[in-house]
Amino acid sequence: MAEEKEQGKSSFLKTILATLAGVLAVKLATYVVTTGWRLATREEPPQADDPAPIAKKAMWIGLIGAVTGAARQAARDYVKPPQAPPD
C-alpha cells in the first residue's frame, strides 16, 4: 500500500516535470525557428493579421507547428517515457 502511494507521488512529480519540460522546449524551439527564419529570409515571420502571401503563411504555420510539436513530445518523453503496454 505504501509503495503504491510512493509510486503515485513519483508519477505525479514526473508528470509535472514533463509538462514544464515540454513548455520550455516549445519556447526554445520557437526562438530557434524564428531566428532561423529571420536569418534565412531576412524578414519577420508572417503574422495572422499581416498582408502576406498565403503560401508563406502556410509554410510558417507548418514549420512552427511541426518543430514545436516534436520538441514538446521529445522533452516530455525524455522526462516521463511512455508506458509499455501490458503483456
N, C-alpha and C. Protein backbone atom coordinates (compact mmCIF):
# COMPACT_ATOMS: atom_id res chain seq x y z
N MET A 1 0.82 -1.19 0.00
CA MET A 1 0.00 0.00 0.00
C MET A 1 0.86 1.26 0.00
N ALA A 2 1.90 1.29 0.85
CA ALA A 2 2.78 2.45 0.92
C ALA A 2 3.57 2.60 -0.37
N GLU A 3 3.91 1.47 -0.98
CA GLU A 3 4.66 1.51 -2.24
C GLU A 3 3.82 2.12 -3.36
N GLU A 4 2.52 1.82 -3.36
CA GLU A 4 1.63 2.39 -4.38
C GLU A 4 1.52 3.90 -4.22
N LYS A 5 1.45 4.39 -2.96
CA LYS A 5 1.39 5.84 -2.73
C LYS A 5 2.67 6.51 -3.19
N GLU A 6 3.80 5.89 -2.89
CA GLU A 6 5.09 6.45 -3.30
C GLU A 6 5.20 6.49 -4.83
N GLN A 7 4.74 5.44 -5.47
CA GLN A 7 4.77 5.40 -6.93
C GLN A 7 3.83 6.45 -7.50
N GLY A 8 2.68 6.66 -6.88
CA GLY A 8 1.73 7.67 -7.33
C GLY A 8 2.32 9.07 -7.22
N LYS A 9 3.02 9.36 -6.11
CA LYS A 9 3.66 10.66 -5.94
C LYS A 9 4.76 10.85 -6.97
N SER A 10 5.54 9.80 -7.21
CA SER A 10 6.61 9.87 -8.19
C SER A 10 6.04 10.12 -9.59
N SER A 11 4.96 9.44 -9.90
CA SER A 11 4.33 9.61 -11.21
C SER A 11 3.78 11.02 -11.37
N PHE A 12 3.17 11.56 -10.30
CA PHE A 12 2.64 12.92 -10.35
C PHE A 12 3.77 13.93 -10.54
N LEU A 13 4.87 13.75 -9.83
CA LEU A 13 6.02 14.64 -9.96
C LEU A 13 6.61 14.57 -11.36
N LYS A 14 6.70 13.37 -11.90
CA LYS A 14 7.21 13.22 -13.27
C LYS A 14 6.28 13.89 -14.27
N THR A 15 4.98 13.82 -14.05
CA THR A 15 4.02 14.47 -14.94
C THR A 15 4.21 15.98 -14.92
N ILE A 16 4.38 16.54 -13.73
CA ILE A 16 4.60 17.99 -13.60
C ILE A 16 5.91 18.38 -14.28
N LEU A 17 6.97 17.64 -14.01
CA LEU A 17 8.26 17.94 -14.64
C LEU A 17 8.22 17.78 -16.15
N ALA A 18 7.50 16.77 -16.63
CA ALA A 18 7.38 16.56 -18.08
C ALA A 18 6.62 17.72 -18.72
N THR A 19 5.60 18.21 -18.05
CA THR A 19 4.85 19.35 -18.58
C THR A 19 5.73 20.59 -18.64
N LEU A 20 6.46 20.86 -17.58
CA LEU A 20 7.36 22.02 -17.57
C LEU A 20 8.45 21.89 -18.64
N ALA A 21 8.99 20.69 -18.80
CA ALA A 21 9.99 20.46 -19.83
C ALA A 21 9.40 20.69 -21.22
N GLY A 22 8.16 20.27 -21.42
CA GLY A 22 7.50 20.48 -22.70
C GLY A 22 7.30 21.95 -23.01
N VAL A 23 6.89 22.73 -22.01
CA VAL A 23 6.69 24.17 -22.21
C VAL A 23 8.02 24.85 -22.53
N LEU A 24 9.06 24.49 -21.79
CA LEU A 24 10.38 25.06 -22.05
C LEU A 24 10.89 24.68 -23.44
N ALA A 25 10.66 23.46 -23.84
CA ALA A 25 11.09 23.02 -25.18
C ALA A 25 10.37 23.78 -26.27
N VAL A 26 9.08 24.06 -26.09
CA VAL A 26 8.33 24.82 -27.09
C VAL A 26 8.86 26.25 -27.17
N LYS A 27 9.14 26.87 -26.03
CA LYS A 27 9.69 28.23 -26.03
C LYS A 27 11.04 28.27 -26.75
N LEU A 28 11.90 27.32 -26.44
CA LEU A 28 13.22 27.27 -27.06
C LEU A 28 13.12 26.99 -28.56
N ALA A 29 12.29 26.05 -28.94
CA ALA A 29 12.13 25.73 -30.36
C ALA A 29 11.55 26.90 -31.13
N THR A 30 10.60 27.62 -30.55
CA THR A 30 10.03 28.79 -31.21
C THR A 30 11.10 29.85 -31.44
N TYR A 31 11.92 30.07 -30.43
CA TYR A 31 13.00 31.05 -30.56
C TYR A 31 13.98 30.65 -31.68
N VAL A 32 14.38 29.39 -31.68
CA VAL A 32 15.35 28.91 -32.68
C VAL A 32 14.77 28.99 -34.09
N VAL A 33 13.53 28.55 -34.27
CA VAL A 33 12.93 28.56 -35.60
C VAL A 33 12.69 30.00 -36.08
N THR A 34 12.25 30.86 -35.19
CA THR A 34 12.04 32.27 -35.56
C THR A 34 13.35 32.93 -35.96
N THR A 35 14.40 32.67 -35.20
CA THR A 35 15.71 33.22 -35.55
C THR A 35 16.20 32.66 -36.88
N GLY A 36 16.03 31.37 -37.09
CA GLY A 36 16.41 30.77 -38.38
C GLY A 36 15.63 31.36 -39.54
N TRP A 37 14.34 31.60 -39.34
CA TRP A 37 13.50 32.20 -40.39
C TRP A 37 14.02 33.59 -40.72
N ARG A 38 14.32 34.37 -39.69
CA ARG A 38 14.82 35.74 -39.91
C ARG A 38 16.16 35.73 -40.65
N LEU A 39 17.04 34.80 -40.29
CA LEU A 39 18.34 34.72 -40.96
C LEU A 39 18.21 34.24 -42.41
N ALA A 40 17.30 33.30 -42.64
CA ALA A 40 17.16 32.73 -43.99
C ALA A 40 16.42 33.66 -44.94
N THR A 41 15.39 34.34 -44.45
CA THR A 41 14.56 35.16 -45.34
C THR A 41 14.82 36.65 -45.22
N ARG A 42 15.52 37.06 -44.19
CA ARG A 42 15.75 38.49 -43.91
C ARG A 42 14.44 39.24 -43.68
N GLU A 43 13.42 38.52 -43.22
CA GLU A 43 12.11 39.10 -42.92
C GLU A 43 11.60 38.54 -41.60
N GLU A 44 10.63 39.23 -41.03
CA GLU A 44 9.95 38.72 -39.85
C GLU A 44 8.99 37.61 -40.29
N PRO A 45 8.73 36.65 -39.42
CA PRO A 45 7.74 35.62 -39.76
C PRO A 45 6.37 36.27 -39.95
N PRO A 46 5.55 35.75 -40.86
CA PRO A 46 4.24 36.35 -41.10
C PRO A 46 3.31 36.17 -39.90
N GLN A 47 2.59 37.20 -39.58
CA GLN A 47 1.60 37.15 -38.51
C GLN A 47 0.23 36.93 -39.13
N ALA A 48 -0.73 36.55 -38.31
CA ALA A 48 -2.07 36.22 -38.82
C ALA A 48 -2.74 37.42 -39.48
N ASP A 49 -2.53 38.62 -38.95
CA ASP A 49 -3.21 39.79 -39.49
C ASP A 49 -2.37 40.57 -40.49
N ASP A 50 -1.17 40.11 -40.81
CA ASP A 50 -0.33 40.78 -41.80
C ASP A 50 -0.75 40.40 -43.21
N PRO A 51 -0.71 41.36 -44.13
CA PRO A 51 -0.96 41.01 -45.52
C PRO A 51 0.29 40.30 -46.09
N ALA A 52 0.19 39.02 -46.28
CA ALA A 52 1.29 38.21 -46.80
C ALA A 52 0.71 37.11 -47.68
N PRO A 53 1.51 36.62 -48.62
CA PRO A 53 1.01 35.52 -49.46
C PRO A 53 0.61 34.31 -48.63
N ILE A 54 -0.45 33.66 -49.04
CA ILE A 54 -0.98 32.51 -48.30
C ILE A 54 0.03 31.38 -48.22
N ALA A 55 0.85 31.22 -49.25
CA ALA A 55 1.86 30.15 -49.23
C ALA A 55 2.90 30.40 -48.15
N LYS A 56 3.29 31.65 -47.96
CA LYS A 56 4.27 31.99 -46.93
C LYS A 56 3.69 31.74 -45.53
N LYS A 57 2.44 32.11 -45.33
CA LYS A 57 1.79 31.87 -44.04
C LYS A 57 1.65 30.37 -43.78
N ALA A 58 1.26 29.62 -44.81
CA ALA A 58 1.11 28.18 -44.66
C ALA A 58 2.44 27.51 -44.35
N MET A 59 3.50 27.96 -45.00
CA MET A 59 4.81 27.39 -44.75
C MET A 59 5.25 27.69 -43.30
N TRP A 60 5.01 28.89 -42.83
CA TRP A 60 5.38 29.25 -41.47
C TRP A 60 4.59 28.43 -40.45
N ILE A 61 3.30 28.32 -40.65
CA ILE A 61 2.46 27.56 -39.72
C ILE A 61 2.88 26.09 -39.68
N GLY A 62 3.14 25.51 -40.85
CA GLY A 62 3.58 24.12 -40.90
C GLY A 62 4.92 23.92 -40.22
N LEU A 63 5.85 24.83 -40.47
CA LEU A 63 7.19 24.72 -39.88
C LEU A 63 7.15 24.87 -38.37
N ILE A 64 6.50 25.91 -37.88
CA ILE A 64 6.48 26.16 -36.44
C ILE A 64 5.67 25.08 -35.72
N GLY A 65 4.61 24.62 -36.34
CA GLY A 65 3.79 23.57 -35.72
C GLY A 65 4.53 22.25 -35.61
N ALA A 66 5.22 21.87 -36.67
CA ALA A 66 5.95 20.60 -36.65
C ALA A 66 7.12 20.64 -35.67
N VAL A 67 7.87 21.72 -35.68
CA VAL A 67 9.05 21.79 -34.81
C VAL A 67 8.66 21.88 -33.35
N THR A 68 7.70 22.72 -33.02
CA THR A 68 7.32 22.86 -31.61
C THR A 68 6.64 21.59 -31.10
N GLY A 69 5.83 20.96 -31.92
CA GLY A 69 5.19 19.71 -31.50
C GLY A 69 6.19 18.60 -31.25
N ALA A 70 7.17 18.49 -32.14
CA ALA A 70 8.20 17.46 -31.97
C ALA A 70 9.07 17.75 -30.74
N ALA A 71 9.40 19.01 -30.53
CA ALA A 71 10.23 19.38 -29.37
C ALA A 71 9.49 19.10 -28.07
N ARG A 72 8.22 19.44 -28.00
CA ARG A 72 7.43 19.21 -26.80
C ARG A 72 7.34 17.72 -26.49
N GLN A 73 7.03 16.93 -27.51
CA GLN A 73 6.88 15.49 -27.28
C GLN A 73 8.20 14.84 -26.91
N ALA A 74 9.29 15.25 -27.53
CA ALA A 74 10.60 14.69 -27.21
C ALA A 74 10.99 15.01 -25.76
N ALA A 75 10.74 16.24 -25.34
CA ALA A 75 11.08 16.63 -23.97
C ALA A 75 10.23 15.86 -22.97
N ARG A 76 8.94 15.73 -23.24
CA ARG A 76 8.06 15.01 -22.32
C ARG A 76 8.43 13.52 -22.25
N ASP A 77 8.75 12.93 -23.40
CA ASP A 77 9.13 11.51 -23.42
C ASP A 77 10.46 11.28 -22.72
N TYR A 78 11.35 12.26 -22.76
CA TYR A 78 12.63 12.12 -22.08
C TYR A 78 12.44 12.10 -20.57
N VAL A 79 11.58 12.99 -20.06
CA VAL A 79 11.34 13.08 -18.62
C VAL A 79 10.48 11.94 -18.13
N LYS A 80 9.42 11.65 -18.87
CA LYS A 80 8.49 10.59 -18.47
C LYS A 80 8.21 9.71 -19.68
N PRO A 81 8.99 8.66 -19.85
CA PRO A 81 8.82 7.79 -21.02
C PRO A 81 7.40 7.19 -21.06
N PRO A 82 6.89 6.95 -22.26
CA PRO A 82 5.56 6.35 -22.38
C PRO A 82 5.54 4.97 -21.71
N GLN A 83 4.39 4.63 -21.18
CA GLN A 83 4.24 3.34 -20.50
C GLN A 83 4.24 2.21 -21.53
N ALA A 84 4.89 1.13 -21.16
CA ALA A 84 4.90 -0.04 -22.02
C ALA A 84 3.52 -0.70 -21.95
N PRO A 85 3.03 -1.27 -23.05
CA PRO A 85 1.73 -1.95 -22.99
C PRO A 85 1.82 -3.18 -22.11
N PRO A 86 0.74 -3.51 -21.42
CA PRO A 86 0.75 -4.71 -20.56
C PRO A 86 0.91 -5.97 -21.40
N ASP A 87 1.53 -6.97 -20.82
CA ASP A 87 1.75 -8.25 -21.54
C ASP A 87 0.48 -9.04 -21.63
